Amino acid sequence: MFLLWLSIGLRNTELRGRTLDCIRWNEGEVLVCKSLRRDGYSSGKVMWAPTKTEKGRVVPLISPVLDVLREHQKEMEPQEI
């Protein structure tokens, strides 16, 4: 997550809202169209929300970031026993 934050400069809420389905693997891009925001400071609850500008955008990813994300995706796949 830290590598992604450093490499593409998303807002914190946008970064936390990234899921693997937001990545366009073949194009080497990430779609930014949602964010994950806290519902107040005391409740600790989070909710999906639109981006600050309420507009989606596409951000290019550099190869090292794509490699790390692919590795993460493999780690998240269910393992056969």
PDB file of N, CA and C in Angstrom:
ATOM      1  N   MET A   1       0.830  -1.179   0.000  1.00  0.00           N
ATOM      2  CA  MET A   1       0.000   0.000   0.000  1.00  0.00           C
ATOM      3  C   MET A   1       0.885   1.256   0.000  1.00  0.00           C
ATOM      4  N   PHE A   2       1.969   1.195   0.786  1.00  0.00           N
ATOM      5  CA  PHE A   2       2.872   2.338   0.866  1.00  0.00           C
ATOM      6  C   PHE A   2       3.517   2.618  -0.482  1.00  0.00           C
ATOM      7  N   LEU A   3       3.922   1.579  -1.188  1.00  0.00           N
ATOM      8  CA  LEU A   3       4.520   1.746  -2.513  1.00  0.00           C
ATOM      9  C   LEU A   3       3.522   2.386  -3.478  1.00  0.00           C
ATOM     10  N   LEU A   4       2.282   1.936  -3.432  1.00  0.00           N
ATOM     11  CA  LEU A   4       1.251   2.504  -4.292  1.00  0.00           C
ATOM     12  C   LEU A   4       1.042   3.977  -3.966  1.00  0.00           C
ATOM     13  N   TRP A   5       0.990   4.311  -2.689  1.00  0.00           N
ATOM     14  CA  TRP A   5       0.786   5.691  -2.255  1.00  0.00           C
ATOM     15  C   TRP A   5       1.930   6.586  -2.749  1.00  0.00           C
ATOM     16  N   LEU A   6       3.157   6.115  -2.590  1.00  0.00           N
ATOM     17  CA  LEU A   6       4.305   6.905  -3.021  1.00  0.00           C
ATOM     18  C   LEU A   6       4.384   7.070  -4.536  1.00  0.00           C
ATOM     19  N   SER A   7       3.965   6.062  -5.260  1.00  0.00           N
ATOM     20  CA  SER A   7       4.178   6.083  -6.708  1.00  0.00           C
ATOM     21  C   SER A   7       3.108   6.844  -7.486  1.00  0.00           C
ATOM     22  N   ILE A   8       1.881   6.921  -6.974  1.00  0.00           N
ATOM     23  CA  ILE A   8       0.842   7.561  -7.782  1.00  0.00           C
ATOM     24  C   ILE A   8       0.144   8.721  -7.101  1.00  0.00           C
ATOM     25  N   GLY A   9       0.428   8.980  -5.832  1.00  0.00           N
ATOM     26  CA  GLY A   9      -0.066  10.186  -5.183  1.00  0.00           C
ATOM     27  C   GLY A   9      -1.564  10.269  -4.979  1.00  0.00           C
ATOM     28  N   LEU A  10      -2.197   9.184  -4.604  1.00  0.00           N
ATOM     29  CA  LEU A  10      -3.625   9.227  -4.312  1.00  0.00           C
ATOM     30  C   LEU A  10      -3.878   9.857  -2.954  1.00  0.00           C
ATOM     31  N   ARG A  11      -5.073  10.390  -2.772  1.00  0.00           N
ATOM     32  CA  ARG A  11      -5.488  10.829  -1.443  1.00  0.00           C
ATOM     33  C   ARG A  11      -5.612   9.587  -0.554  1.00  0.00           C
ATOM     34  N   ASN A  12      -5.454   9.775   0.755  1.00  0.00           N
ATOM     35  CA  ASN A  12      -5.515   8.633   1.676  1.00  0.00           C
ATOM     36  C   ASN A  12      -6.813   7.854   1.548  1.00  0.00           C
ATOM     37  N   THR A  13      -7.943   8.541   1.450  1.00  0.00           N
ATOM     38  CA  THR A  13      -9.231   7.842   1.338  1.00  0.00           C
ATOM     39  C   THR A  13      -9.333   7.078   0.025  1.00  0.00           C
ATOM     40  N   GLU A  14      -8.741   7.623  -1.040  1.00  0.00           N
ATOM     41  CA  GLU A  14      -8.751   6.932  -2.332  1.00  0.00           C
ATOM     42  C   GLU A  14      -7.868   5.700  -2.283  1.00  0.00           C
ATOM     43  N   LEU A  15      -6.735   5.821  -1.639  1.00  0.00           N
ATOM     44  CA  LEU A  15      -5.814   4.691  -1.527  1.00  0.00           C
ATOM     45  C   LEU A  15      -6.452   3.550  -0.753  1.00  0.00           C
ATOM     46  N   ARG A  16      -7.081   3.862   0.369  1.00  0.00           N
ATOM     47  CA  ARG A  16      -7.727   2.819   1.171  1.00  0.00           C
ATOM     48  C   ARG A  16      -8.886   2.165   0.425  1.00  0.00           C
ATOM     49  N   GLY A  17      -9.463   2.865  -0.536  1.00  0.00           N
ATOM     50  CA  GLY A  17     -10.577   2.331  -1.307  1.00  0.00           C
ATOM     51  C   GLY A  17     -10.169   1.506  -2.517  1.00  0.00           C
ATOM     52  N   ARG A  18      -8.881   1.317  -2.750  1.00  0.00           N
ATOM     53  CA  ARG A  18      -8.437   0.529  -3.892  1.00  0.00           C
ATOM     54  C   ARG A  18      -8.668  -0.943  -3.616  1.00  0.00           C
ATOM     55  N   THR A  19      -9.244  -1.589  -4.584  1.00  0.00           N
ATOM     56  CA  THR A  19      -9.413  -3.036  -4.571  1.00  0.00           C
ATOM     57  C   THR A  19      -8.817  -3.569  -5.864  1.00  0.00           C
ATOM     58  N   LEU A  20      -8.523  -4.852  -5.893  1.00  0.00           N
ATOM     59  CA  LEU A  20      -7.856  -5.416  -7.077  1.00  0.00           C
ATOM     60  C   LEU A  20      -8.693  -5.272  -8.343  1.00  0.00           C
ATOM     61  N   ASP A  21     -10.013  -5.154  -8.215  1.00  0.00           N
ATOM     62  CA  ASP A  21     -10.837  -4.997  -9.417  1.00  0.00           C
ATOM     63  C   ASP A  21     -10.720  -3.583 -10.012  1.00  0.00           C
ATOM     64  N   CYS A  22     -10.056  -2.668  -9.325  1.00  0.00           N
ATOM     65  CA  CYS A  22      -9.829  -1.311  -9.843  1.00  0.00           C
ATOM     66  C   CYS A  22      -8.619  -1.256 -10.771  1.00  0.00           C
ATOM     67  N   ILE A  23      -7.861  -2.335 -10.826  1.00  0.00           N
ATOM     68  CA  ILE A  23      -6.632  -2.338 -11.611  1.00  0.00           C
ATOM     69  C   ILE A  23      -6.912  -2.855 -13.015  1.00  0.00           C
ATOM     70  N   ARG A  24      -6.472  -2.106 -13.991  1.00  0.00           N
ATOM     71  CA  ARG A  24      -6.536  -2.537 -15.390  1.00  0.00           C
ATOM     72  C   ARG A  24      -5.162  -3.102 -15.720  1.00  0.00           C
ATOM     73  N   TRP A  25      -5.049  -4.408 -15.540  1.00  0.00           N
ATOM     74  CA  TRP A  25      -3.744  -5.075 -15.630  1.00  0.00           C
ATOM     75  C   TRP A  25      -3.087  -4.893 -16.992  1.00  0.00           C
ATOM     76  N   ASN A  26      -3.833  -5.137 -18.074  1.00  0.00           N
ATOM     77  CA  ASN A  26      -3.249  -5.070 -19.422  1.00  0.00           C
ATOM     78  C   ASN A  26      -2.807  -3.660 -19.802  1.00  0.00           C
ATOM     79  N   GLU A  27      -3.537  -2.663 -19.315  1.00  0.00           N
ATOM     80  CA  GLU A  27      -3.206  -1.279 -19.644  1.00  0.00           C
ATOM     81  C   GLU A  27      -2.195  -0.681 -18.669  1.00  0.00           C
ATOM     82  N   GLY A  28      -1.981  -1.329 -17.520  1.00  0.00           N
ATOM     83  CA  GLY A  28      -1.068  -0.805 -16.510  1.00  0.00           C
ATOM     84  C   GLY A  28      -1.597   0.447 -15.840  1.00  0.00           C
ATOM     85  N   GLU A  29      -2.892   0.425 -15.506  1.00  0.00           N
ATOM     86  CA  GLU A  29      -3.553   1.598 -14.934  1.00  0.00           C
ATOM     87  C   GLU A  29      -4.391   1.197 -13.725  1.00  0.00           C
ATOM     88  N   VAL A  30      -4.704   2.184 -12.914  1.00  0.00           N
ATOM     89  CA  VAL A  30      -5.635   1.976 -11.813  1.00  0.00           C
ATOM     90  C   VAL A  30      -6.774   2.982 -11.982  1.00  0.00           C
ATOM     91  N   LEU A  31      -7.990   2.505 -11.805  1.00  0.00           N
ATOM     92  CA  LEU A  31      -9.179   3.341 -11.894  1.00  0.00           C
ATOM     93  C   LEU A  31      -9.496   3.870 -10.505  1.00  0.00           C
ATOM     94  N   VAL A  32      -9.601   5.171 -10.382  1.00  0.00           N
ATOM     95  CA  VAL A  32      -9.906   5.812  -9.103  1.00  0.00           C
ATOM     96  C   VAL A  32     -11.316   6.386  -9.205  1.00  0.00           C
ATOM     97  N   CYS A  33     -12.281   5.695  -8.626  1.00  0.00           N
ATOM     98  CA  CYS A  33     -13.670   6.146  -8.725  1.00  0.00           C
ATOM     99  C   CYS A  33     -14.424   6.029  -7.401  1.00  0.00           C
ATOM    100  N   LYS A  34     -13.749   5.548  -6.359  1.00  0.00           N
ATOM    101  CA  LYS A  34     -14.393   5.418  -5.056  1.00  0.00           C
ATOM    102  C   LYS A  34     -13.343   5.610  -3.971  1.00  0.00           C
ATOM    103  N   SER A  35     -13.815   5.883  -2.770  1.00  0.00           N
ATOM    104  CA  SER A  35     -12.909   6.046  -1.635  1.00  0.00           C
ATOM    105  C   SER A  35     -13.527   5.349  -0.431  1.00  0.00           C
ATOM    106  N   LEU A  36     -12.713   5.151   0.580  1.00  0.00           N
ATOM    107  CA  LEU A  36     -13.158   4.509   1.807  1.00  0.00           C
ATOM    108  C   LEU A  36     -12.932   5.514   2.933  1.00  0.00           C
ATOM    109  N   ARG A  37     -14.032   6.042   3.463  1.00  0.00           N
ATOM    110  CA  ARG A  37     -13.940   7.116   4.448  1.00  0.00           C
ATOM    111  C   ARG A  37     -14.472   6.682   5.803  1.00  0.00           C
ATOM    112  N   ARG A  38     -13.915   7.312   6.837  1.00  0.00           N
ATOM    113  CA  ARG A  38     -14.416   7.072   8.186  1.00  0.00           C
ATOM    114  C   ARG A  38     -15.693   7.865   8.395  1.00  0.00           C
ATOM    115  N   ASP A  39     -16.624   7.281   9.114  1.00  0.00           N
ATOM    116  CA  ASP A  39     -17.880   7.950   9.451  1.00  0.00           C
ATOM    117  C   ASP A  39     -17.701   8.610  10.819  1.00  0.00           C
ATOM    118  N   GLY A  40     -16.975   9.692  10.845  1.00  0.00           N
ATOM    119  CA  GLY A  40     -16.684  10.365  12.106  1.00  0.00           C
ATOM    120  C   GLY A  40     -15.454   9.770  12.758  1.00  0.00           C
ATOM    121  N   TYR A  41     -14.919  10.457  13.745  1.00  0.00           N
ATOM    122  CA  TYR A  41     -13.702   9.996  14.407  1.00  0.00           C
ATOM    123  C   TYR A  41     -13.981   9.064  15.570  1.00  0.00           C
ATOM    124  N   SER A  42     -15.108   9.217  16.238  1.00  0.00           N
ATOM    125  CA  SER A  42     -15.363   8.410  17.425  1.00  0.00           C
ATOM    126  C   SER A  42     -15.960   7.045  17.112  1.00  0.00           C
ATOM    127  N   SER A  43     -16.705   6.938  16.031  1.00  0.00           N
ATOM    128  CA  SER A  43     -17.383   5.669  15.736  1.00  0.00           C
ATOM    129  C   SER A  43     -16.426   4.613  15.197  1.00  0.00           C
ATOM    130  N   GLY A  44     -15.425   5.015  14.430  1.00  0.00           N
ATOM    131  CA  GLY A  44     -14.494   4.064  13.846  1.00  0.00           C
ATOM    132  C   GLY A  44     -15.065   3.301  12.669  1.00  0.00           C
ATOM    133  N   LYS A  45     -16.285   3.601  12.261  1.00  0.00           N
ATOM    134  CA  LYS A  45     -16.903   2.924  11.117  1.00  0.00           C
ATOM    135  C   LYS A  45     -16.397   3.542   9.820  1.00  0.00           C
ATOM    136  N   VAL A  46     -16.331   2.725   8.795  1.00  0.00           N
ATOM    137  CA  VAL A  46     -15.920   3.208   7.477  1.00  0.00           C
ATOM    138  C   VAL A  46     -17.041   2.962   6.485  1.00  0.00           C
ATOM    139  N   MET A  47     -17.053   3.765   5.411  1.00  0.00           N
ATOM    140  CA  MET A  47     -18.093   3.609   4.392  1.00  0.00           C
ATOM    141  C   MET A  47     -17.509   3.956   3.031  1.00  0.00           C
ATOM    142  N   TRP A  48     -18.079   3.342   2.000  1.00  0.00           N
ATOM    143  CA  TRP A  48     -17.690   3.661   0.640  1.00  0.00           C
ATOM    144  C   TRP A  48     -18.285   5.014   0.283  1.00  0.00           C
ATOM    145  N   ALA A  49     -17.524   5.804  -0.454  1.00  0.00           N
ATOM    146  CA  ALA A  49     -17.965   7.134  -0.855  1.00  0.00           C
ATOM    147  C   ALA A  49     -17.348   7.458  -2.214  1.00  0.00           C
ATOM    148  N   PRO A  50     -17.898   8.449  -2.900  1.00  0.00           N
ATOM    149  CA  PRO A  50     -17.252   8.883  -4.142  1.00  0.00           C
ATOM    150  C   PRO A  50     -15.946   9.603  -3.820  1.00  0.00           C
ATOM    151  N   THR A  51     -15.160   9.859  -4.833  1.00  0.00           N
ATOM    152  CA  THR A  51     -13.927  10.610  -4.627  1.00  0.00           C
ATOM    153  C   THR A  51     -14.267  12.050  -4.249  1.00  0.00           C
ATOM    154  N   LYS A  52     -13.267  12.785  -3.796  1.00  0.00           N
ATOM    155  CA  LYS A  52     -13.482  14.160  -3.351  1.00  0.00           C
ATOM    156  C   LYS A  52     -14.123  15.015  -4.438  1.00  0.00           C
ATOM    157  N   THR A  53     -13.675  14.848  -5.667  1.00  0.00           N
ATOM    158  CA  THR A  53     -14.218  15.636  -6.777  1.00  0.00           C
ATOM    159  C   THR A  53     -15.449  14.983  -7.401  1.00  0.00           C
ATOM    160  N   GLU A  54     -15.780  13.781  -6.934  1.00  0.00           N
ATOM    161  CA  GLU A  54     -16.903  12.988  -7.457  1.00  0.00           C
ATOM    162  C   GLU A  54     -16.733  12.645  -8.927  1.00  0.00           C
ATOM    163  N   LYS A  55     -15.501  12.659  -9.393  1.00  0.00           N
ATOM    164  CA  LYS A  55     -15.189  12.276 -10.770  1.00  0.00           C
ATOM    165  C   LYS A  55     -14.159  11.162 -10.724  1.00  0.00           C
ATOM    166  N   GLY A  56     -14.344  10.167 -11.554  1.00  0.00           N
ATOM    167  CA  GLY A  56     -13.360   9.104 -11.652  1.00  0.00           C
ATOM    168  C   GLY A  56     -12.192   9.540 -12.519  1.00  0.00           C
ATOM    169  N   ARG A  57     -11.073   8.889 -12.309  1.00  0.00           N
ATOM    170  CA  ARG A  57      -9.915   9.165 -13.156  1.00  0.00           C
ATOM    171  C   ARG A  57      -9.077   7.905 -13.270  1.00  0.00           C
ATOM    172  N   VAL A  58      -8.237   7.882 -14.278  1.00  0.00           N
ATOM    173  CA  VAL A  58      -7.356   6.750 -14.512  1.00  0.00           C
ATOM    174  C   VAL A  58      -5.926   7.217 -14.278  1.00  0.00           C
ATOM    175  N   VAL A  59      -5.185   6.433 -13.485  1.00  0.00           N
ATOM    176  CA  VAL A  59      -3.821   6.794 -13.136  1.00  0.00           C
ATOM    177  C   VAL A  59      -2.891   5.686 -13.634  1.00  0.00           C
ATOM    178  N   PRO A  60      -1.852   6.030 -14.395  1.00  0.00           N
ATOM    179  CA  PRO A  60      -0.914   5.006 -14.871  1.00  0.00           C
ATOM    180  C   PRO A  60      -0.064   4.458 -13.722  1.00  0.00           C
ATOM    181  N   LEU A  61       0.302   3.190 -13.834  1.00  0.00           N
ATOM    182  CA  LEU A  61       1.147   2.529 -12.841  1.00  0.00           C
ATOM    183  C   LEU A  61       2.494   2.190 -13.472  1.00  0.00           C
ATOM    184  N   ILE A  62       3.558   2.347 -12.707  1.00  0.00           N
ATOM    185  CA  ILE A  62       4.871   1.970 -13.214  1.00  0.00           C
ATOM    186  C   ILE A  62       5.067   0.464 -13.012  1.00  0.00           C
ATOM    187  N   SER A  63       5.945  -0.121 -13.804  1.00  0.00           N
ATOM    188  CA  SER A  63       6.149  -1.576 -13.791  1.00  0.00           C
ATOM    189  C   SER A  63       6.443  -2.161 -12.410  1.00  0.00           C
ATOM    190  N   PRO A  64       7.332  -1.560 -11.603  1.00  0.00           N
ATOM    191  CA  PRO A  64       7.595  -2.152 -10.285  1.00  0.00           C
ATOM    192  C   PRO A  64       6.343  -2.223  -9.406  1.00  0.00           C
ATOM    193  N   VAL A  65       5.471  -1.234  -9.519  1.00  0.00           N
ATOM    194  CA  VAL A  65       4.236  -1.244  -8.728  1.00  0.00           C
ATOM    195  C   VAL A  65       3.318  -2.349  -9.231  1.00  0.00           C
ATOM    196  N   LEU A  66       3.214  -2.496 -10.539  1.00  0.00           N
ATOM    197  CA  LEU A  66       2.394  -3.585 -11.099  1.00  0.00           C
ATOM    198  C   LEU A  66       2.911  -4.944 -10.642  1.00  0.00           C
ATOM    199  N   ASP A  67       4.229  -5.103 -10.603  1.00  0.00           N
ATOM    200  CA  ASP A  67       4.816  -6.373 -10.160  1.00  0.00           C
ATOM    201  C   ASP A  67       4.440  -6.679  -8.713  1.00  0.00           C
ATOM    202  N   VAL A  68       4.530  -5.671  -7.850  1.00  0.00           N
ATOM    203  CA  VAL A  68       4.168  -5.860  -6.439  1.00  0.00           C
ATOM    204  C   VAL A  68       2.680  -6.191  -6.312  1.00  0.00           C
ATOM    205  N   LEU A  69       1.843  -5.519  -7.080  1.00  0.00           N
ATOM    206  CA  LEU A  69       0.408  -5.786  -7.024  1.00  0.00           C
ATOM    207  C   LEU A  69       0.069  -7.187  -7.533  1.00  0.00           C
ATOM    208  N   ARG A  70       0.765  -7.636  -8.572  1.00  0.00           N
ATOM    209  CA  ARG A  70       0.541  -8.999  -9.070  1.00  0.00           C
ATOM    210  C   ARG A  70       0.927 -10.034  -8.014  1.00  0.00           C
ATOM    211  N   GLU A  71       2.035  -9.789  -7.338  1.00  0.00           N
ATOM    212  CA  GLU A  71       2.474 -10.686  -6.265  1.00  0.00           C
ATOM    213  C   GLU A  71       1.447 -10.707  -5.129  1.00  0.00           C
ATOM    214  N   HIS A  72       0.940  -9.547  -4.793  1.00  0.00           N
ATOM    215  CA  HIS A  72      -0.091  -9.451  -3.750  1.00  0.00           C
ATOM    216  C   HIS A  72      -1.346 -10.215  -4.162  1.00  0.00           C
ATOM    217  N   GLN A  73      -1.721 -10.076  -5.428  1.00  0.00           N
ATOM    218  CA  GLN A  73      -2.902 -10.778  -5.927  1.00  0.00           C
ATOM    219  C   GLN A  73      -2.712 -12.288  -5.807  1.00  0.00           C
ATOM    220  N   LYS A  74      -1.524 -12.784  -6.127  1.00  0.00           N
ATOM    221  CA  LYS A  74      -1.249 -14.221  -6.000  1.00  0.00           C
ATOM    222  C   LYS A  74      -1.356 -14.675  -4.555  1.00  0.00           C
ATOM    223  N   GLU A  75      -0.851 -13.852  -3.627  1.00  0.00           N
ATOM    224  CA  GLU A  75      -0.916 -14.191  -2.207  1.00  0.00           C
ATOM    225  C   GLU A  75      -2.353 -14.214  -1.686  1.00  0.00           C
ATOM    226  N   MET A  76      -3.218 -13.434  -2.297  1.00  0.00           N
ATOM    227  CA  MET A  76      -4.597 -13.353  -1.846  1.00  0.00           C
ATOM    228  C   MET A  76      -5.478 -14.474  -2.399  1.00  0.00           C
ATOM    229  N   GLU A  77      -4.996 -15.181  -3.412  1.00  0.00           N
ATOM    230  CA  GLU A  77      -5.766 -16.281  -3.994  1.00  0.00           C
ATOM    231  C   GLU A  77      -5.857 -17.428  -2.978  1.00  0.00           C
ATOM    232  N   PRO A  78      -7.003 -18.094  -2.952  1.00  0.00           N
ATOM    233  CA  PRO A  78      -7.149 -19.230  -2.035  1.00  0.00           C
ATOM    234  C   PRO A  78      -6.145 -20.323  -2.379  1.00  0.00           C
ATOM    235  N   GLN A  79      -5.555 -20.904  -1.350  1.00  0.00           N
ATOM    236  CA  GLN A  79      -4.569 -21.962  -1.542  1.00  0.00           C
ATOM    237  C   GLN A  79      -5.248 -23.332  -1.510  1.00  0.00           C
ATOM    238  N   GLU A  80      -4.849 -24.205  -2.411  1.00  0.00           N
ATOM    239  CA  GLU A  80      -5.372 -25.574  -2.420  1.00  0.00           C
ATOM    240  C   GLU A  80      -4.622 -26.396  -1.384  1.00  0.00           C
ATOM    241  N   ILE A  81      -5.358 -27.240  -0.712  1.00  0.00           N
ATOM    242  CA  ILE A  81      -4.739 -28.101   0.317  1.00  0.00           C
ATOM    243  C   ILE A  81      -4.671 -29.518  -0.185  1.00  0.00           C
TER     244      ILE A  81
END
